[in-house]
Amino acid sequence: MIKNLKGQFIVLDGPDGCGKSSQVKLLARYITKNKIKTSCFRDPGSTATGEKIRKILLDPANHIGDRTELLLYMASRAQLWQECIVPALKKKNCVLLDRWLSSTCAYQGFAGGLGIAKVLDIAEHSLQRVWPDLTIILDVDLKTARQRMNRSFDRMEQKTIAYHKKVRAGFLELAEFRDDIVVIDARDDIKKVHKKIVQIIEKHFNS
């Protein structure tokens, strides 16, 4: 049984097609069964402002540079923190998030060439809290990810194969520098991946 999750902030992140959105839903259901209230959000999004920014960022018709992407993601994140995450944490809910700063480090920082250090510097000046209590990176190879994405691609997903390979590398590199970032192999079926996530959370918060 998962304990000590009241008021904790947990992020599931990873390359497009890694299955994080589905895993957030499964994890929320599992934690709720353990009689702990959960609040689930997505980044960017989950606020009126954030959803508008999300639409701008993901619309293939828009031509947006890496620096603009970075600032738009950070703006949506700042609003999400103020409007949704802070109230949920004050209620001692367990907050589960689909993406957070780790994504911007991997996409705009590493793959986009802006540098992870620059992303973190901007985050420090933009966000009241930079890192969650735990970030779980769902790692998948590009072939597996593309096979799972049985739909039309958004603007970010339409970027080159070389770009998305760098995104994956960026996530893996980021995890080497922080003890609160854990990488799991997410190529297994959805139930097995969920079990891995639960085990990591149990170990992290119950130890």
N, C-alpha and C. Protein backbone atom coordinates (compact mmCIF):
# COMPACT_ATOMS: atom_id res chain seq x y z
N MET A 1 0.84 -1.20 0.00
CA MET A 1 0.00 0.00 0.00
C MET A 1 0.88 1.26 0.00
N ILE A 2 0.53 2.22 -0.83
CA ILE A 2 1.26 3.47 -0.87
C ILE A 2 0.85 4.35 0.31
N LYS A 3 1.83 4.84 1.03
CA LYS A 3 1.58 5.73 2.16
C LYS A 3 2.28 7.06 1.91
N ASN A 4 2.03 8.00 2.80
CA ASN A 4 2.77 9.27 2.81
C ASN A 4 2.66 10.06 1.50
N LEU A 5 1.53 9.96 0.82
CA LEU A 5 1.39 10.69 -0.44
C LEU A 5 0.54 11.95 -0.32
N LYS A 6 0.02 12.23 0.86
CA LYS A 6 -0.76 13.46 1.03
C LYS A 6 0.14 14.68 0.82
N GLY A 7 -0.28 15.56 -0.06
CA GLY A 7 0.47 16.78 -0.30
C GLY A 7 1.73 16.58 -1.12
N GLN A 8 1.87 15.43 -1.77
CA GLN A 8 3.05 15.18 -2.61
C GLN A 8 2.76 15.57 -4.06
N PHE A 9 3.82 15.92 -4.76
CA PHE A 9 3.73 16.42 -6.14
C PHE A 9 4.55 15.47 -7.02
N ILE A 10 3.85 14.70 -7.87
CA ILE A 10 4.49 13.67 -8.68
C ILE A 10 4.24 13.94 -10.16
N VAL A 11 5.29 13.81 -10.96
CA VAL A 11 5.21 14.06 -12.40
C VAL A 11 5.55 12.79 -13.17
N LEU A 12 4.75 12.48 -14.17
CA LEU A 12 5.09 11.45 -15.15
C LEU A 12 5.45 12.16 -16.45
N ASP A 13 6.61 11.83 -16.99
CA ASP A 13 7.10 12.54 -18.16
C ASP A 13 7.78 11.57 -19.11
N GLY A 14 8.17 12.06 -20.27
CA GLY A 14 8.86 11.23 -21.23
C GLY A 14 8.55 11.64 -22.65
N PRO A 15 9.17 10.99 -23.62
CA PRO A 15 8.95 11.33 -25.03
C PRO A 15 7.51 11.13 -25.47
N ASP A 16 7.12 11.79 -26.54
CA ASP A 16 5.78 11.58 -27.10
C ASP A 16 5.58 10.10 -27.40
N GLY A 17 4.43 9.57 -26.99
CA GLY A 17 4.12 8.17 -27.24
C GLY A 17 4.58 7.23 -26.16
N CYS A 18 5.08 7.77 -25.04
CA CYS A 18 5.58 6.89 -23.96
C CYS A 18 4.46 6.32 -23.10
N GLY A 19 3.26 6.90 -23.18
CA GLY A 19 2.11 6.37 -22.44
C GLY A 19 1.83 7.05 -21.12
N LYS A 20 2.43 8.22 -20.89
CA LYS A 20 2.31 8.89 -19.60
C LYS A 20 0.87 9.30 -19.26
N SER A 21 0.10 9.76 -20.25
CA SER A 21 -1.27 10.19 -19.97
C SER A 21 -2.12 9.03 -19.45
N SER A 22 -1.96 7.88 -20.05
CA SER A 22 -2.69 6.68 -19.59
C SER A 22 -2.22 6.27 -18.21
N GLN A 23 -0.91 6.39 -17.97
CA GLN A 23 -0.37 5.99 -16.68
C GLN A 23 -0.78 6.94 -15.56
N VAL A 24 -0.95 8.22 -15.86
CA VAL A 24 -1.45 9.16 -14.86
C VAL A 24 -2.84 8.73 -14.39
N LYS A 25 -3.69 8.35 -15.33
CA LYS A 25 -5.05 7.93 -14.99
C LYS A 25 -5.03 6.66 -14.13
N LEU A 26 -4.20 5.69 -14.50
CA LEU A 26 -4.11 4.46 -13.71
C LEU A 26 -3.57 4.73 -12.32
N LEU A 27 -2.56 5.59 -12.23
CA LEU A 27 -1.97 5.90 -10.94
C LEU A 27 -2.96 6.64 -10.04
N ALA A 28 -3.71 7.57 -10.63
CA ALA A 28 -4.72 8.30 -9.85
C ALA A 28 -5.76 7.35 -9.28
N ARG A 29 -6.17 6.39 -10.08
CA ARG A 29 -7.15 5.40 -9.63
C ARG A 29 -6.59 4.57 -8.49
N TYR A 30 -5.33 4.19 -8.62
CA TYR A 30 -4.69 3.36 -7.60
C TYR A 30 -4.55 4.12 -6.28
N ILE A 31 -4.09 5.36 -6.36
CA ILE A 31 -3.89 6.16 -5.14
C ILE A 31 -5.23 6.45 -4.47
N THR A 32 -6.24 6.73 -5.27
CA THR A 32 -7.57 7.00 -4.73
C THR A 32 -8.11 5.78 -3.98
N LYS A 33 -7.83 4.59 -4.48
CA LYS A 33 -8.25 3.36 -3.80
C LYS A 33 -7.58 3.23 -2.44
N ASN A 34 -6.42 3.87 -2.32
CA ASN A 34 -5.71 3.87 -1.04
C ASN A 34 -6.19 5.00 -0.13
N LYS A 35 -7.35 5.57 -0.50
CA LYS A 35 -8.04 6.59 0.30
C LYS A 35 -7.23 7.89 0.44
N ILE A 36 -6.52 8.23 -0.64
CA ILE A 36 -5.80 9.50 -0.70
C ILE A 36 -6.36 10.30 -1.88
N LYS A 37 -6.79 11.52 -1.62
CA LYS A 37 -7.36 12.35 -2.67
C LYS A 37 -6.27 12.77 -3.65
N THR A 38 -6.62 12.73 -4.94
CA THR A 38 -5.66 13.10 -5.96
C THR A 38 -6.21 14.24 -6.82
N SER A 39 -5.29 15.01 -7.38
CA SER A 39 -5.62 16.05 -8.35
C SER A 39 -4.71 15.85 -9.55
N CYS A 40 -5.30 15.69 -10.74
CA CYS A 40 -4.52 15.42 -11.95
C CYS A 40 -4.59 16.61 -12.91
N PHE A 41 -3.43 17.00 -13.42
CA PHE A 41 -3.36 18.11 -14.36
C PHE A 41 -2.42 17.75 -15.51
N ARG A 42 -2.54 18.53 -16.60
CA ARG A 42 -1.60 18.35 -17.70
C ARG A 42 -0.89 19.67 -17.99
N ASP A 43 0.35 19.54 -18.43
CA ASP A 43 1.19 20.69 -18.70
C ASP A 43 1.73 20.59 -20.13
N PRO A 44 1.40 21.56 -21.00
CA PRO A 44 0.58 22.75 -20.73
C PRO A 44 -0.91 22.41 -20.71
N GLY A 45 -1.66 23.26 -20.03
CA GLY A 45 -3.11 23.07 -19.99
C GLY A 45 -3.67 23.14 -18.59
N SER A 46 -4.90 22.62 -18.46
CA SER A 46 -5.65 22.52 -17.20
C SER A 46 -6.14 23.85 -16.63
N THR A 47 -5.80 24.95 -17.26
CA THR A 47 -6.38 26.25 -16.94
C THR A 47 -6.87 26.85 -18.25
N ALA A 48 -7.75 27.85 -18.16
CA ALA A 48 -8.24 28.48 -19.39
C ALA A 48 -7.08 29.08 -20.19
N THR A 49 -6.17 29.74 -19.49
CA THR A 49 -5.01 30.33 -20.14
C THR A 49 -4.10 29.25 -20.71
N GLY A 50 -3.85 28.23 -19.89
CA GLY A 50 -2.96 27.14 -20.31
C GLY A 50 -3.46 26.39 -21.52
N GLU A 51 -4.77 26.18 -21.61
CA GLU A 51 -5.33 25.46 -22.76
C GLU A 51 -5.19 26.28 -24.04
N LYS A 52 -5.31 27.60 -23.92
CA LYS A 52 -5.11 28.46 -25.10
C LYS A 52 -3.65 28.42 -25.55
N ILE A 53 -2.74 28.44 -24.58
CA ILE A 53 -1.32 28.34 -24.91
C ILE A 53 -1.02 26.98 -25.53
N ARG A 54 -1.62 25.93 -24.98
CA ARG A 54 -1.43 24.58 -25.52
C ARG A 54 -1.86 24.52 -26.99
N LYS A 55 -2.98 25.12 -27.30
CA LYS A 55 -3.48 25.12 -28.67
C LYS A 55 -2.50 25.81 -29.61
N ILE A 56 -1.94 26.94 -29.16
CA ILE A 56 -0.95 27.67 -29.96
C ILE A 56 0.28 26.79 -30.19
N LEU A 57 0.77 26.16 -29.14
CA LEU A 57 1.99 25.37 -29.22
C LEU A 57 1.85 24.13 -30.11
N LEU A 58 0.70 23.50 -30.09
CA LEU A 58 0.54 22.23 -30.78
C LEU A 58 -0.09 22.31 -32.15
N ASP A 59 -0.58 23.49 -32.53
CA ASP A 59 -1.20 23.66 -33.85
C ASP A 59 -0.13 23.62 -34.94
N PRO A 60 -0.19 22.64 -35.86
CA PRO A 60 0.82 22.52 -36.92
C PRO A 60 0.89 23.75 -37.83
N ALA A 61 -0.15 24.56 -37.84
CA ALA A 61 -0.15 25.74 -38.70
C ALA A 61 0.75 26.85 -38.17
N ASN A 62 1.13 26.76 -36.89
CA ASN A 62 1.95 27.81 -36.27
C ASN A 62 3.44 27.51 -36.42
N HIS A 63 4.19 28.55 -36.74
CA HIS A 63 5.65 28.43 -36.86
C HIS A 63 6.27 29.13 -35.66
N ILE A 64 6.80 28.34 -34.73
CA ILE A 64 7.27 28.87 -33.45
C ILE A 64 8.70 28.39 -33.21
N GLY A 65 9.58 29.30 -32.83
CA GLY A 65 10.96 28.95 -32.53
C GLY A 65 11.11 28.35 -31.15
N ASP A 66 12.27 27.78 -30.89
CA ASP A 66 12.52 27.10 -29.62
C ASP A 66 12.43 28.06 -28.43
N ARG A 67 12.92 29.28 -28.59
CA ARG A 67 12.87 30.24 -27.48
C ARG A 67 11.43 30.63 -27.16
N THR A 68 10.64 30.80 -28.20
CA THR A 68 9.22 31.13 -27.99
C THR A 68 8.50 29.96 -27.33
N GLU A 69 8.81 28.75 -27.79
CA GLU A 69 8.24 27.56 -27.15
C GLU A 69 8.54 27.56 -25.66
N LEU A 70 9.81 27.76 -25.35
CA LEU A 70 10.23 27.74 -23.95
C LEU A 70 9.41 28.71 -23.10
N LEU A 71 9.27 29.94 -23.59
CA LEU A 71 8.56 30.97 -22.82
C LEU A 71 7.07 30.68 -22.71
N LEU A 72 6.49 30.14 -23.77
CA LEU A 72 5.07 29.80 -23.72
C LEU A 72 4.81 28.66 -22.75
N TYR A 73 5.64 27.64 -22.80
CA TYR A 73 5.49 26.53 -21.85
C TYR A 73 5.64 27.02 -20.42
N MET A 74 6.60 27.91 -20.19
CA MET A 74 6.84 28.40 -18.84
C MET A 74 5.66 29.26 -18.36
N ALA A 75 5.09 30.04 -19.26
CA ALA A 75 3.94 30.87 -18.90
C ALA A 75 2.74 30.01 -18.51
N SER A 76 2.47 28.98 -19.28
CA SER A 76 1.38 28.06 -18.96
C SER A 76 1.63 27.37 -17.62
N ARG A 77 2.87 27.01 -17.39
CA ARG A 77 3.25 26.32 -16.16
C ARG A 77 3.07 27.22 -14.93
N ALA A 78 3.45 28.47 -15.06
CA ALA A 78 3.30 29.42 -13.95
C ALA A 78 1.83 29.59 -13.58
N GLN A 79 0.98 29.66 -14.59
CA GLN A 79 -0.46 29.79 -14.36
C GLN A 79 -1.03 28.53 -13.72
N LEU A 80 -0.58 27.38 -14.20
CA LEU A 80 -1.03 26.10 -13.67
C LEU A 80 -0.66 25.97 -12.20
N TRP A 81 0.55 26.37 -11.86
CA TRP A 81 1.00 26.31 -10.47
C TRP A 81 0.11 27.16 -9.57
N GLN A 82 -0.10 28.39 -9.99
CA GLN A 82 -0.87 29.34 -9.17
C GLN A 82 -2.34 28.96 -9.06
N GLU A 83 -2.92 28.58 -10.16
CA GLU A 83 -4.37 28.39 -10.22
C GLU A 83 -4.82 27.00 -9.75
N CYS A 84 -4.00 25.98 -9.99
CA CYS A 84 -4.44 24.61 -9.72
C CYS A 84 -3.59 23.85 -8.70
N ILE A 85 -2.28 23.89 -8.89
CA ILE A 85 -1.42 23.03 -8.07
C ILE A 85 -1.36 23.51 -6.63
N VAL A 86 -1.16 24.80 -6.42
CA VAL A 86 -1.08 25.32 -5.05
C VAL A 86 -2.35 25.01 -4.25
N PRO A 87 -3.55 25.30 -4.78
CA PRO A 87 -4.77 24.96 -4.01
C PRO A 87 -4.88 23.47 -3.69
N ALA A 88 -4.47 22.61 -4.64
CA ALA A 88 -4.55 21.16 -4.42
C ALA A 88 -3.58 20.73 -3.33
N LEU A 89 -2.37 21.28 -3.35
CA LEU A 89 -1.38 20.92 -2.33
C LEU A 89 -1.81 21.43 -0.94
N LYS A 90 -2.45 22.59 -0.90
CA LYS A 90 -2.93 23.13 0.38
C LYS A 90 -4.00 22.23 0.99
N LYS A 91 -4.74 21.53 0.13
CA LYS A 91 -5.75 20.58 0.60
C LYS A 91 -5.13 19.23 0.97
N LYS A 92 -3.81 19.12 0.79
CA LYS A 92 -3.07 17.88 1.06
C LYS A 92 -3.42 16.78 0.06
N ASN A 93 -3.89 17.18 -1.14
CA ASN A 93 -4.11 16.20 -2.19
C ASN A 93 -2.77 15.75 -2.76
N CYS A 94 -2.74 14.56 -3.30
CA CYS A 94 -1.58 14.11 -4.06
C CYS A 94 -1.74 14.64 -5.48
N VAL A 95 -0.82 15.46 -5.93
CA VAL A 95 -0.91 16.07 -7.25
C VAL A 95 -0.14 15.23 -8.26
N LEU A 96 -0.84 14.79 -9.31
CA LEU A 96 -0.23 14.04 -10.40
C LEU A 96 -0.25 14.88 -11.66
N LEU A 97 0.90 14.97 -12.30
CA LEU A 97 1.01 15.86 -13.45
C LEU A 97 1.56 15.13 -14.67
N ASP A 98 0.91 15.37 -15.79
CA ASP A 98 1.35 14.87 -17.10
C ASP A 98 2.26 15.94 -17.70
N ARG A 99 3.57 15.75 -17.55
CA ARG A 99 4.65 16.66 -17.96
C ARG A 99 4.85 17.78 -16.93
N TRP A 100 6.07 18.32 -16.95
CA TRP A 100 6.44 19.48 -16.14
C TRP A 100 7.76 20.00 -16.69
N LEU A 101 8.57 20.62 -15.87
CA LEU A 101 9.80 21.26 -16.32
C LEU A 101 10.75 20.30 -17.04
N SER A 102 10.74 19.04 -16.63
CA SER A 102 11.61 18.04 -17.25
C SER A 102 11.40 17.99 -18.77
N SER A 103 10.16 18.20 -19.22
CA SER A 103 9.88 18.21 -20.66
C SER A 103 10.59 19.37 -21.36
N THR A 104 10.53 20.55 -20.77
CA THR A 104 11.16 21.70 -21.39
C THR A 104 12.67 21.53 -21.43
N CYS A 105 13.23 20.91 -20.39
CA CYS A 105 14.67 20.62 -20.39
C CYS A 105 15.04 19.71 -21.56
N ALA A 106 14.22 18.67 -21.78
CA ALA A 106 14.51 17.69 -22.83
C ALA A 106 14.23 18.23 -24.23
N TYR A 107 13.08 18.90 -24.39
CA TYR A 107 12.68 19.36 -25.72
C TYR A 107 13.41 20.64 -26.14
N GLN A 108 13.13 21.73 -25.46
CA GLN A 108 13.72 23.00 -25.87
C GLN A 108 15.18 23.12 -25.41
N GLY A 109 15.49 22.59 -24.23
CA GLY A 109 16.85 22.70 -23.71
C GLY A 109 17.84 21.83 -24.44
N PHE A 110 17.55 20.52 -24.51
CA PHE A 110 18.49 19.58 -25.10
C PHE A 110 18.31 19.45 -26.61
N ALA A 111 17.11 19.04 -27.03
CA ALA A 111 16.87 18.84 -28.46
C ALA A 111 16.86 20.16 -29.23
N GLY A 112 16.33 21.21 -28.61
CA GLY A 112 16.27 22.51 -29.27
C GLY A 112 17.57 23.28 -29.23
N GLY A 113 18.51 22.82 -28.43
CA GLY A 113 19.82 23.43 -28.41
C GLY A 113 19.97 24.65 -27.54
N LEU A 114 18.95 24.99 -26.75
CA LEU A 114 19.05 26.17 -25.89
C LEU A 114 19.88 25.89 -24.64
N GLY A 115 19.99 24.63 -24.29
CA GLY A 115 20.77 24.25 -23.12
C GLY A 115 19.90 24.07 -21.89
N ILE A 116 20.11 22.98 -21.18
CA ILE A 116 19.33 22.71 -19.98
C ILE A 116 19.57 23.78 -18.92
N ALA A 117 20.80 24.27 -18.82
CA ALA A 117 21.14 25.29 -17.82
C ALA A 117 20.31 26.55 -18.03
N LYS A 118 20.12 26.94 -19.29
CA LYS A 118 19.33 28.14 -19.58
C LYS A 118 17.87 27.93 -19.23
N VAL A 119 17.34 26.75 -19.53
CA VAL A 119 15.96 26.43 -19.17
C VAL A 119 15.77 26.52 -17.66
N LEU A 120 16.70 25.96 -16.91
CA LEU A 120 16.59 25.97 -15.46
C LEU A 120 16.70 27.39 -14.90
N ASP A 121 17.54 28.21 -15.52
CA ASP A 121 17.67 29.59 -15.07
C ASP A 121 16.36 30.35 -15.26
N ILE A 122 15.73 30.17 -16.41
CA ILE A 122 14.45 30.83 -16.68
C ILE A 122 13.38 30.28 -15.74
N ALA A 123 13.42 28.99 -15.49
CA ALA A 123 12.45 28.38 -14.57
C ALA A 123 12.58 28.96 -13.17
N GLU A 124 13.80 29.15 -12.71
CA GLU A 124 14.03 29.71 -11.37
C GLU A 124 13.42 31.10 -11.24
N HIS A 125 13.41 31.85 -12.32
CA HIS A 125 12.86 33.21 -12.30
C HIS A 125 11.36 33.25 -12.61
N SER A 126 10.81 32.12 -13.09
CA SER A 126 9.41 32.10 -13.52
C SER A 126 8.48 31.34 -12.59
N LEU A 127 9.02 30.33 -11.92
CA LEU A 127 8.19 29.42 -11.14
C LEU A 127 8.47 29.53 -9.65
N GLN A 128 7.44 29.42 -8.86
CA GLN A 128 7.61 29.40 -7.41
C GLN A 128 8.24 28.10 -6.94
N ARG A 129 8.00 27.04 -7.69
CA ARG A 129 8.63 25.76 -7.39
C ARG A 129 9.07 25.12 -8.69
N VAL A 130 10.34 24.76 -8.75
CA VAL A 130 10.89 24.25 -10.00
C VAL A 130 10.69 22.73 -10.13
N TRP A 131 11.04 21.98 -9.09
CA TRP A 131 11.00 20.52 -9.18
C TRP A 131 9.91 19.93 -8.30
N PRO A 132 9.26 18.87 -8.78
CA PRO A 132 8.28 18.14 -7.95
C PRO A 132 9.00 17.26 -6.94
N ASP A 133 8.23 16.54 -6.13
CA ASP A 133 8.83 15.61 -5.18
C ASP A 133 9.43 14.40 -5.88
N LEU A 134 8.84 14.02 -6.99
CA LEU A 134 9.33 12.87 -7.76
C LEU A 134 8.93 13.03 -9.22
N THR A 135 9.88 12.76 -10.10
CA THR A 135 9.61 12.72 -11.54
C THR A 135 9.94 11.32 -12.05
N ILE A 136 8.99 10.70 -12.72
CA ILE A 136 9.22 9.38 -13.31
C ILE A 136 9.22 9.55 -14.83
N ILE A 137 10.35 9.22 -15.45
CA ILE A 137 10.49 9.30 -16.90
C ILE A 137 10.15 7.95 -17.50
N LEU A 138 9.16 7.92 -18.38
CA LEU A 138 8.78 6.70 -19.09
C LEU A 138 9.57 6.66 -20.39
N ASP A 139 10.56 5.80 -20.44
CA ASP A 139 11.48 5.76 -21.57
C ASP A 139 11.04 4.72 -22.60
N VAL A 140 10.93 5.17 -23.85
CA VAL A 140 10.64 4.27 -24.97
C VAL A 140 11.48 4.68 -26.17
N ASP A 141 11.80 3.70 -27.02
CA ASP A 141 12.50 4.01 -28.25
C ASP A 141 11.53 4.65 -29.24
N LEU A 142 12.05 5.33 -30.22
CA LEU A 142 11.22 6.10 -31.15
C LEU A 142 10.26 5.20 -31.95
N LYS A 143 10.71 4.03 -32.35
CA LYS A 143 9.87 3.12 -33.13
C LYS A 143 8.65 2.70 -32.33
N THR A 144 8.86 2.32 -31.07
CA THR A 144 7.74 1.92 -30.21
C THR A 144 6.78 3.07 -29.99
N ALA A 145 7.34 4.26 -29.76
CA ALA A 145 6.51 5.44 -29.52
C ALA A 145 5.63 5.74 -30.72
N ARG A 146 6.20 5.70 -31.91
CA ARG A 146 5.43 6.02 -33.12
C ARG A 146 4.34 4.99 -33.38
N GLN A 147 4.59 3.75 -33.06
CA GLN A 147 3.59 2.71 -33.25
C GLN A 147 2.38 2.92 -32.34
N ARG A 148 2.62 3.51 -31.19
CA ARG A 148 1.54 3.75 -30.24
C ARG A 148 0.70 4.96 -30.63
N MET A 149 1.25 5.87 -31.38
CA MET A 149 0.57 7.13 -31.69
C MET A 149 -0.25 6.97 -32.97
N ASN A 150 -1.34 6.28 -32.84
CA ASN A 150 -2.20 5.98 -33.99
C ASN A 150 -3.19 7.12 -34.23
N ARG A 151 -2.64 8.27 -34.63
CA ARG A 151 -3.45 9.48 -34.86
C ARG A 151 -2.59 10.48 -35.63
N SER A 152 -3.21 11.58 -36.01
CA SER A 152 -2.44 12.63 -36.68
C SER A 152 -1.55 13.33 -35.65
N PHE A 153 -0.36 13.73 -36.06
CA PHE A 153 0.61 14.31 -35.14
C PHE A 153 0.39 15.81 -34.98
N ASP A 154 0.63 16.30 -33.73
CA ASP A 154 0.56 17.74 -33.50
C ASP A 154 1.88 18.40 -33.92
N ARG A 155 2.01 19.69 -33.71
CA ARG A 155 3.19 20.43 -34.20
C ARG A 155 4.49 19.92 -33.60
N MET A 156 4.47 19.61 -32.30
CA MET A 156 5.68 19.12 -31.66
C MET A 156 6.01 17.70 -32.14
N GLU A 157 4.99 16.88 -32.30
CA GLU A 157 5.21 15.49 -32.73
C GLU A 157 5.69 15.41 -34.17
N GLN A 158 5.41 16.45 -34.97
CA GLN A 158 5.81 16.46 -36.37
C GLN A 158 7.28 16.83 -36.57
N LYS A 159 7.98 17.16 -35.51
CA LYS A 159 9.40 17.50 -35.66
C LYS A 159 10.18 16.27 -36.10
N THR A 160 11.40 16.48 -36.56
CA THR A 160 12.17 15.42 -37.20
C THR A 160 12.50 14.26 -36.26
N ILE A 161 12.82 13.12 -36.89
CA ILE A 161 13.24 11.95 -36.11
C ILE A 161 14.49 12.27 -35.31
N ALA A 162 15.41 13.02 -35.92
CA ALA A 162 16.64 13.41 -35.22
C ALA A 162 16.32 14.22 -33.97
N TYR A 163 15.35 15.11 -34.07
CA TYR A 163 14.94 15.93 -32.93
C TYR A 163 14.41 15.06 -31.81
N HIS A 164 13.54 14.11 -32.15
CA HIS A 164 12.93 13.27 -31.12
C HIS A 164 13.93 12.29 -30.49
N LYS A 165 14.94 11.91 -31.24
CA LYS A 165 16.01 11.10 -30.66
C LYS A 165 16.77 11.91 -29.61
N LYS A 166 16.96 13.19 -29.91
CA LYS A 166 17.63 14.08 -28.95
C LYS A 166 16.76 14.31 -27.71
N VAL A 167 15.45 14.37 -27.91
CA VAL A 167 14.53 14.52 -26.78
C VAL A 167 14.71 13.36 -25.81
N ARG A 168 14.72 12.16 -26.34
CA ARG A 168 14.91 10.99 -25.49
C ARG A 168 16.25 11.05 -24.76
N ALA A 169 17.28 11.41 -25.49
CA ALA A 169 18.61 11.53 -24.88
C ALA A 169 18.62 12.61 -23.79
N GLY A 170 17.86 13.68 -24.01
CA GLY A 170 17.79 14.75 -23.03
C GLY A 170 17.15 14.31 -21.73
N PHE A 171 16.08 13.53 -21.83
CA PHE A 171 15.44 12.99 -20.62
C PHE A 171 16.41 12.10 -19.85
N LEU A 172 17.13 11.25 -20.56
CA LEU A 172 18.06 10.32 -19.90
C LEU A 172 19.22 11.07 -19.25
N GLU A 173 19.70 12.10 -19.91
CA GLU A 173 20.79 12.89 -19.33
C GLU A 173 20.34 13.64 -18.08
N LEU A 174 19.14 14.21 -18.14
CA LEU A 174 18.61 14.95 -17.01
C LEU A 174 18.52 14.06 -15.77
N ALA A 175 18.12 12.81 -15.96
CA ALA A 175 17.96 11.89 -14.84
C ALA A 175 19.27 11.56 -14.15
N GLU A 176 20.39 11.76 -14.83
CA GLU A 176 21.69 11.46 -14.24
C GLU A 176 22.10 12.47 -13.18
N PHE A 177 21.45 13.62 -13.17
CA PHE A 177 21.88 14.70 -12.28
C PHE A 177 20.98 14.91 -11.07
N ARG A 178 19.86 14.17 -11.00
CA ARG A 178 18.94 14.38 -9.89
C ARG A 178 18.46 13.04 -9.32
N ASP A 179 18.49 12.93 -8.00
CA ASP A 179 18.04 11.70 -7.34
C ASP A 179 16.53 11.55 -7.36
N ASP A 180 15.82 12.68 -7.57
CA ASP A 180 14.35 12.62 -7.58
C ASP A 180 13.78 12.44 -8.98
N ILE A 181 14.63 12.05 -9.93
CA ILE A 181 14.18 11.68 -11.28
C ILE A 181 14.55 10.24 -11.52
N VAL A 182 13.55 9.41 -11.80
CA VAL A 182 13.77 7.97 -12.01
C VAL A 182 13.29 7.59 -13.40
N VAL A 183 14.09 6.81 -14.10
CA VAL A 183 13.74 6.36 -15.45
C VAL A 183 13.28 4.91 -15.40
N ILE A 184 12.19 4.60 -16.10
CA ILE A 184 11.75 3.21 -16.22
C ILE A 184 11.58 2.86 -17.69
N ASP A 185 11.75 1.60 -18.00
CA ASP A 185 11.51 1.09 -19.35
C ASP A 185 10.01 0.97 -19.53
N ALA A 186 9.46 1.77 -20.45
CA ALA A 186 8.00 1.81 -20.63
C ALA A 186 7.56 1.07 -21.88
N ARG A 187 8.39 0.15 -22.37
CA ARG A 187 8.02 -0.59 -23.58
C ARG A 187 7.05 -1.73 -23.28
N ASP A 188 6.94 -2.13 -22.01
CA ASP A 188 6.02 -3.22 -21.64
C ASP A 188 4.57 -2.80 -21.82
N ASP A 189 3.67 -3.74 -21.62
CA ASP A 189 2.24 -3.42 -21.71
C ASP A 189 1.85 -2.51 -20.56
N ILE A 190 0.70 -1.89 -20.68
CA ILE A 190 0.28 -0.82 -19.78
C ILE A 190 0.21 -1.26 -18.32
N LYS A 191 -0.22 -2.49 -18.06
CA LYS A 191 -0.34 -2.96 -16.68
C LYS A 191 1.02 -3.17 -16.03
N LYS A 192 1.96 -3.70 -16.79
CA LYS A 192 3.31 -3.93 -16.26
C LYS A 192 4.01 -2.61 -15.97
N VAL A 193 3.82 -1.62 -16.84
CA VAL A 193 4.42 -0.31 -16.62
C VAL A 193 3.81 0.34 -15.37
N HIS A 194 2.50 0.20 -15.22
CA HIS A 194 1.83 0.74 -14.04
C HIS A 194 2.41 0.11 -12.77
N LYS A 195 2.64 -1.18 -12.79
CA LYS A 195 3.21 -1.86 -11.63
C LYS A 195 4.58 -1.32 -11.29
N LYS A 196 5.40 -1.04 -12.31
CA LYS A 196 6.73 -0.47 -12.09
C LYS A 196 6.62 0.90 -11.43
N ILE A 197 5.68 1.70 -11.91
CA ILE A 197 5.49 3.05 -11.37
C ILE A 197 5.10 2.98 -9.89
N VAL A 198 4.18 2.10 -9.57
CA VAL A 198 3.74 1.95 -8.17
C VAL A 198 4.91 1.53 -7.29
N GLN A 199 5.72 0.61 -7.77
CA GLN A 199 6.87 0.15 -7.00
C GLN A 199 7.86 1.28 -6.73
N ILE A 200 8.09 2.12 -7.73
CA ILE A 200 9.01 3.25 -7.56
C ILE A 200 8.47 4.23 -6.53
N ILE A 201 7.17 4.51 -6.61
CA ILE A 201 6.56 5.46 -5.68
C ILE A 201 6.59 4.91 -4.26
N GLU A 202 6.29 3.62 -4.11
CA GLU A 202 6.34 3.00 -2.78
C GLU A 202 7.74 3.12 -2.19
N LYS A 203 8.75 2.85 -2.99
CA LYS A 203 10.13 2.91 -2.51
C LYS A 203 10.54 4.33 -2.16
N HIS A 204 10.13 5.29 -2.98
CA HIS A 204 10.54 6.68 -2.80
C HIS A 204 9.91 7.33 -1.57
N PHE A 205 8.61 7.07 -1.38
CA PHE A 205 7.88 7.76 -0.32
C PHE A 205 7.74 6.97 0.98
N ASN A 206 7.93 5.67 0.92
CA ASN A 206 7.76 4.85 2.10
C ASN A 206 9.06 4.51 2.80
N SER A 207 10.18 4.87 2.18
CA SER A 207 11.47 4.51 2.77
C SER A 207 11.82 5.43 3.94
